[in-house]
Amino acid sequence: MNYEELREYCLSLKGSTESFPFDEFGLVLKVQGKMFALLPLDNPETQIALKCDPEKAIALREEFSAITPAYHFNKKHWNSVRVDPEISSKLMCELIQHSYELVVAGLPKKLKEELQDMKE
């Protein structure tokens, strides 16, 4: 997946939006105002930072060299996933979906209800 494909997939998830952070070095992808992904704009490699539960993060890092702790977030909960032949498009989409679902699960009840009421 290239940068634009990553962006489009993230934006295809229900209720997702994009914005630039204050430093304008990355594209922040959010659901109901909570970040689930960051696409760095200043990195020559295409990569994406994603939220991950700690146990899964450790297992992924042991299995794939293209997955490392995200330097700009809590290292237990965020991975930097480099687009690499060892990371298939299917796995990349699964990792993005996992990050999205973790953030949705942590939303207050009212925001979850608003998300459910949104059209596909």
Protein backbone atom coordinates (compact mmCIF):
# COMPACT_ATOMS: atom_id res chain seq x y z
CA MET A 1 0.00 0.00 0.00
CA ASN A 2 1.25 3.46 -0.75
CA TYR A 3 0.60 6.63 1.24
CA GLU A 4 -2.61 7.52 -0.59
CA GLU A 5 -3.99 3.97 -0.28
CA LEU A 6 -3.32 4.03 3.47
CA ARG A 7 -5.06 7.39 3.77
CA GLU A 8 -8.05 6.28 1.71
CA TYR A 9 -8.47 3.08 3.69
CA CYS A 10 -8.41 4.97 6.99
CA LEU A 11 -10.95 7.48 5.70
CA SER A 12 -13.22 4.64 4.55
CA LEU A 13 -13.81 3.64 8.18
CA LYS A 14 -17.09 4.90 9.61
CA GLY A 15 -16.86 8.37 11.12
CA SER A 16 -13.17 8.87 10.38
CA THR A 17 -11.77 12.30 9.63
CA GLU A 18 -8.33 13.74 8.95
CA SER A 19 -6.50 16.81 10.16
CA PHE A 20 -3.02 18.24 10.40
CA PRO A 21 -1.49 18.50 13.87
CA PHE A 22 0.06 21.75 15.04
CA ASP A 23 3.45 20.83 13.58
CA GLU A 24 2.08 19.91 10.12
CA PHE A 25 4.54 16.99 9.85
CA GLY A 26 1.87 14.32 9.87
CA LEU A 27 -1.68 13.58 8.88
CA VAL A 28 -3.81 12.66 11.91
CA LEU A 29 -6.71 10.27 11.36
CA LYS A 30 -9.44 10.36 13.98
CA VAL A 31 -12.75 8.81 14.85
CA GLN A 32 -15.08 11.00 16.93
CA GLY A 33 -12.12 13.31 17.62
CA LYS A 34 -9.81 10.56 18.94
CA MET A 35 -6.68 9.66 16.99
CA PHE A 36 -6.34 6.11 15.67
CA ALA A 37 -3.57 6.66 13.10
CA LEU A 38 -0.81 9.05 12.11
CA LEU A 39 0.75 9.21 8.66
CA PRO A 40 4.08 11.07 8.96
CA LEU A 41 4.63 13.49 6.10
CA ASP A 42 8.31 14.10 6.83
CA ASN A 43 9.43 10.46 6.57
CA PRO A 44 10.86 9.22 3.28
CA GLU A 45 9.49 5.73 3.95
CA THR A 46 5.77 5.21 3.82
CA GLN A 47 4.74 4.22 7.30
CA ILE A 48 1.82 4.63 9.64
CA ALA A 49 1.62 4.85 13.44
CA LEU A 50 -1.22 2.77 14.86
CA LYS A 51 -2.63 2.06 18.29
CA CYS A 52 -2.33 -1.55 19.43
CA ASP A 53 -3.04 -3.49 22.60
CA PRO A 54 0.26 -4.16 24.39
CA GLU A 55 0.32 -7.96 24.04
CA LYS A 56 -0.46 -7.85 20.35
CA ALA A 57 2.13 -5.11 19.85
CA ILE A 58 4.86 -7.28 21.37
CA ALA A 59 3.88 -10.30 19.27
CA LEU A 60 3.80 -8.25 16.06
CA ARG A 61 7.20 -6.69 16.76
CA GLU A 62 8.70 -10.14 17.33
CA GLU A 63 7.25 -11.47 14.07
CA PHE A 64 7.76 -8.54 11.68
CA SER A 65 10.85 -6.36 11.39
CA ALA A 66 8.72 -3.69 9.65
CA ILE A 67 6.82 -3.10 12.92
CA THR A 68 8.58 -1.08 15.62
CA PRO A 69 7.58 1.01 18.64
CA ALA A 70 6.24 4.39 17.55
CA TYR A 71 8.77 6.94 18.76
CA HIS A 72 6.22 9.68 19.31
CA PHE A 73 3.66 7.75 21.36
CA ASN A 74 3.46 5.41 24.33
CA LYS A 75 5.68 2.58 23.10
CA LYS A 76 3.45 -0.06 24.69
CA HIS A 77 0.37 1.07 22.82
CA TRP A 78 1.55 2.38 19.45
CA ASN A 79 3.43 0.74 16.57
CA SER A 80 5.09 2.29 13.55
CA VAL A 81 4.29 0.01 10.64
CA ARG A 82 6.53 0.49 7.63
CA VAL A 83 5.10 -0.42 4.24
CA ASP A 84 7.28 -3.34 3.36
CA PRO A 85 6.91 -6.54 1.30
CA GLU A 86 6.69 -8.53 4.56
CA ILE A 87 3.55 -6.57 5.51
CA SER A 88 0.77 -7.50 3.10
CA SER A 89 -2.02 -5.09 2.25
CA LYS A 90 -4.40 -7.44 4.05
CA LEU A 91 -2.34 -7.34 7.26
CA MET A 92 -1.97 -3.56 6.99
CA CYS A 93 -5.75 -3.18 6.74
CA GLU A 94 -6.21 -5.52 9.73
CA LEU A 95 -3.78 -3.44 11.80
CA ILE A 96 -5.55 -0.20 10.87
CA GLN A 97 -8.93 -1.79 11.70
CA HIS A 98 -7.55 -3.01 15.07
CA SER A 99 -6.37 0.50 15.95
CA TYR A 100 -9.70 2.00 14.90
CA GLU A 101 -11.67 -0.55 16.96
CA LEU A 102 -9.52 0.05 20.06
CA VAL A 103 -10.25 3.76 19.87
CA VAL A 104 -13.98 3.20 19.25
CA ALA A 105 -14.13 0.80 22.21
CA GLY A 106 -12.72 3.54 24.46
CA LEU A 107 -15.19 6.21 23.36
CA PRO A 108 -17.82 7.46 25.79
CA LYS A 109 -21.25 5.89 25.29
CA LYS A 110 -22.72 9.04 23.72
CA LEU A 111 -19.98 9.21 21.05
CA LYS A 112 -20.37 5.50 20.28
CA GLU A 113 -24.10 6.01 19.80
CA GLU A 114 -23.47 8.96 17.47
CA LEU A 115 -21.06 6.81 15.48
CA GLN A 116 -23.61 4.00 15.20
CA ASP A 117 -26.21 6.50 13.95
CA MET A 118 -23.96 7.68 11.11
CA LYS A 119 -24.70 6.42 7.62
CA GLU A 120 -22.27 3.98 6.06
